[in-house]
Amino acid sequence: MGIYNANTILERIQRLVYTGGITIVKDYMNPLRPPAIRNGTSKAKAGTNVTPQQLPEALTNGVANS
């Protein structure tokens, strides 16, 4: 799986005589990280035009009817 925490990586590479800072490590790591996983959240799909009144039903069904 790998380590994606920039602070942990910085600590480890500093032991190998790395003298750069955290910003360089974060900038390097950012495109390598997997997408964040959001548990328990649900979003209506773009372009579905869900009104606030329809939102509970749309979230329950997983898809909004437009």
N, C-alpha and C. Protein backbone atom coordinates (compact mmCIF):
# COMPACT_ATOMS: atom_id res chain seq x y z
N MET A 1 0.83 -1.18 0.00
CA MET A 1 0.00 0.00 0.00
C MET A 1 0.87 1.25 0.00
N GLY A 2 1.76 1.38 0.94
CA GLY A 2 2.68 2.51 0.91
C GLY A 2 2.35 3.57 1.94
N ILE A 3 3.29 4.46 2.12
CA ILE A 3 3.12 5.56 3.06
C ILE A 3 2.85 6.82 2.25
N TYR A 4 1.77 7.53 2.60
CA TYR A 4 1.42 8.75 1.88
C TYR A 4 1.43 9.97 2.80
N ASN A 5 1.88 9.80 4.04
CA ASN A 5 1.95 10.90 4.98
C ASN A 5 3.28 11.62 4.79
N ALA A 6 3.21 12.89 4.38
CA ALA A 6 4.43 13.64 4.07
C ALA A 6 5.33 13.81 5.29
N ASN A 7 4.74 13.98 6.48
CA ASN A 7 5.57 14.14 7.68
C ASN A 7 6.36 12.87 7.99
N THR A 8 5.72 11.73 7.83
CA THR A 8 6.41 10.46 8.06
C THR A 8 7.54 10.27 7.06
N ILE A 9 7.26 10.57 5.81
CA ILE A 9 8.28 10.43 4.77
C ILE A 9 9.43 11.39 5.03
N LEU A 10 9.11 12.62 5.44
CA LEU A 10 10.16 13.59 5.74
C LEU A 10 11.08 13.09 6.85
N GLU A 11 10.48 12.56 7.91
CA GLU A 11 11.29 12.03 9.01
C GLU A 11 12.22 10.93 8.52
N ARG A 12 11.70 10.06 7.68
CA ARG A 12 12.52 8.93 7.21
C ARG A 12 13.64 9.36 6.27
N ILE A 13 13.34 10.30 5.37
CA ILE A 13 14.39 10.69 4.43
C ILE A 13 15.40 11.65 5.06
N GLN A 14 15.00 12.33 6.14
CA GLN A 14 15.97 13.16 6.85
C GLN A 14 17.06 12.29 7.49
N ARG A 15 16.70 11.07 7.85
CA ARG A 15 17.70 10.12 8.38
C ARG A 15 18.73 9.76 7.32
N LEU A 16 18.32 9.93 6.05
CA LEU A 16 19.23 9.62 4.93
C LEU A 16 19.94 10.87 4.42
N VAL A 17 20.03 11.89 5.24
CA VAL A 17 20.74 13.13 4.99
C VAL A 17 19.96 14.08 4.05
N TYR A 18 18.66 13.94 3.95
CA TYR A 18 17.85 14.89 3.19
C TYR A 18 17.79 16.20 3.95
N THR A 19 18.00 17.31 3.25
CA THR A 19 18.03 18.62 3.92
C THR A 19 16.90 19.54 3.47
N GLY A 20 16.03 19.06 2.59
CA GLY A 20 14.91 19.88 2.14
C GLY A 20 13.81 19.96 3.18
N GLY A 21 12.77 20.69 2.86
CA GLY A 21 11.68 20.90 3.81
C GLY A 21 10.42 20.12 3.47
N ILE A 22 9.40 20.31 4.31
CA ILE A 22 8.15 19.58 4.18
C ILE A 22 7.38 19.98 2.91
N THR A 23 7.48 21.24 2.50
CA THR A 23 6.73 21.69 1.32
C THR A 23 7.15 20.93 0.07
N ILE A 24 8.43 20.70 -0.08
CA ILE A 24 8.92 19.96 -1.24
C ILE A 24 8.39 18.53 -1.22
N VAL A 25 8.39 17.92 -0.05
CA VAL A 25 7.88 16.55 0.08
C VAL A 25 6.38 16.51 -0.23
N LYS A 26 5.62 17.46 0.32
CA LYS A 26 4.17 17.50 0.05
C LYS A 26 3.89 17.71 -1.43
N ASP A 27 4.60 18.62 -2.05
CA ASP A 27 4.41 18.87 -3.48
C ASP A 27 4.72 17.63 -4.32
N TYR A 28 5.72 16.89 -3.91
CA TYR A 28 6.08 15.66 -4.62
C TYR A 28 5.03 14.58 -4.40
N MET A 29 4.54 14.46 -3.17
CA MET A 29 3.61 13.39 -2.81
C MET A 29 2.19 13.60 -3.34
N ASN A 30 1.77 14.83 -3.48
CA ASN A 30 0.38 15.12 -3.82
C ASN A 30 -0.15 14.34 -5.03
N PRO A 31 0.52 14.33 -6.18
CA PRO A 31 -0.02 13.56 -7.31
C PRO A 31 0.08 12.04 -7.13
N LEU A 32 0.86 11.58 -6.17
CA LEU A 32 1.05 10.14 -5.96
C LEU A 32 0.00 9.53 -5.04
N ARG A 33 -0.68 10.39 -4.27
CA ARG A 33 -1.67 9.90 -3.31
C ARG A 33 -2.89 9.36 -4.02
N PRO A 34 -3.47 8.28 -3.47
CA PRO A 34 -4.74 7.79 -4.03
C PRO A 34 -5.86 8.77 -3.65
N PRO A 35 -6.96 8.76 -4.39
CA PRO A 35 -8.07 9.66 -4.06
C PRO A 35 -8.60 9.37 -2.66
N ALA A 36 -9.06 10.40 -2.00
CA ALA A 36 -9.63 10.25 -0.66
C ALA A 36 -10.91 9.43 -0.72
N ILE A 37 -11.10 8.59 0.26
CA ILE A 37 -12.32 7.79 0.35
C ILE A 37 -13.23 8.44 1.38
N ARG A 38 -14.43 8.77 0.97
CA ARG A 38 -15.38 9.41 1.87
C ARG A 38 -16.45 8.40 2.24
N ASN A 39 -16.49 8.05 3.51
CA ASN A 39 -17.49 7.10 3.98
C ASN A 39 -18.70 7.86 4.51
N GLY A 40 -19.88 7.36 4.16
CA GLY A 40 -21.10 7.91 4.70
C GLY A 40 -21.56 9.20 4.07
N THR A 41 -20.95 9.60 2.98
CA THR A 41 -21.40 10.81 2.32
C THR A 41 -22.00 10.45 0.98
N SER A 42 -22.92 11.23 0.57
CA SER A 42 -23.56 10.99 -0.72
C SER A 42 -23.83 12.32 -1.38
N LYS A 43 -23.54 12.43 -2.65
CA LYS A 43 -23.77 13.67 -3.38
C LYS A 43 -24.66 13.37 -4.58
N ALA A 44 -25.55 14.31 -4.87
CA ALA A 44 -26.36 14.17 -6.08
C ALA A 44 -25.44 14.35 -7.28
N LYS A 45 -25.70 13.64 -8.35
CA LYS A 45 -24.90 13.75 -9.55
C LYS A 45 -25.09 15.12 -10.18
N ALA A 46 -24.04 15.64 -10.79
CA ALA A 46 -24.11 16.94 -11.44
C ALA A 46 -25.17 16.93 -12.53
N GLY A 47 -25.92 18.01 -12.60
CA GLY A 47 -26.92 18.14 -13.65
C GLY A 47 -28.26 17.51 -13.33
N THR A 48 -28.46 17.06 -12.09
CA THR A 48 -29.73 16.42 -11.77
C THR A 48 -30.78 17.41 -11.28
N ASN A 49 -30.37 18.63 -10.93
CA ASN A 49 -31.30 19.67 -10.50
C ASN A 49 -32.21 19.21 -9.37
N VAL A 50 -31.62 18.79 -8.30
CA VAL A 50 -32.37 18.33 -7.14
C VAL A 50 -32.72 19.53 -6.27
N THR A 51 -33.99 19.67 -5.94
CA THR A 51 -34.41 20.74 -5.05
C THR A 51 -34.17 20.30 -3.61
N PRO A 52 -34.13 21.25 -2.67
CA PRO A 52 -33.94 20.87 -1.27
C PRO A 52 -35.02 19.90 -0.78
N GLN A 53 -36.24 20.02 -1.29
CA GLN A 53 -37.32 19.13 -0.88
C GLN A 53 -37.10 17.70 -1.40
N GLN A 54 -36.44 17.56 -2.53
CA GLN A 54 -36.20 16.24 -3.13
C GLN A 54 -34.94 15.57 -2.58
N LEU A 55 -34.11 16.33 -1.88
CA LEU A 55 -32.81 15.81 -1.46
C LEU A 55 -32.89 14.55 -0.61
N PRO A 56 -33.75 14.46 0.42
CA PRO A 56 -33.77 13.21 1.21
C PRO A 56 -34.09 11.98 0.36
N GLU A 57 -35.04 12.11 -0.55
CA GLU A 57 -35.40 10.99 -1.42
C GLU A 57 -34.27 10.67 -2.40
N ALA A 58 -33.64 11.71 -2.94
CA ALA A 58 -32.54 11.51 -3.88
C ALA A 58 -31.38 10.78 -3.21
N LEU A 59 -31.09 11.14 -1.97
CA LEU A 59 -29.99 10.48 -1.25
C LEU A 59 -30.35 9.04 -0.91
N THR A 60 -31.61 8.78 -0.62
CA THR A 60 -32.05 7.42 -0.30
C THR A 60 -31.96 6.52 -1.52
N ASN A 61 -32.38 7.05 -2.67
CA ASN A 61 -32.40 6.26 -3.90
C ASN A 61 -31.03 6.24 -4.58
N GLY A 62 -30.18 7.17 -4.24
CA GLY A 62 -28.85 7.21 -4.84
C GLY A 62 -28.79 7.96 -6.15
N VAL A 63 -29.94 8.19 -6.76
CA VAL A 63 -30.00 8.91 -8.03
C VAL A 63 -31.22 9.82 -7.97
N ALA A 64 -31.02 11.03 -8.41
CA ALA A 64 -32.15 11.97 -8.41
C ALA A 64 -32.85 11.92 -9.76
N ASN A 65 -34.15 11.94 -9.71
CA ASN A 65 -34.94 12.00 -10.94
C ASN A 65 -35.17 13.45 -11.29
N SER A 66 -34.79 13.84 -12.50
CA SER A 66 -34.95 15.24 -12.88
C SER A 66 -36.13 15.43 -13.79
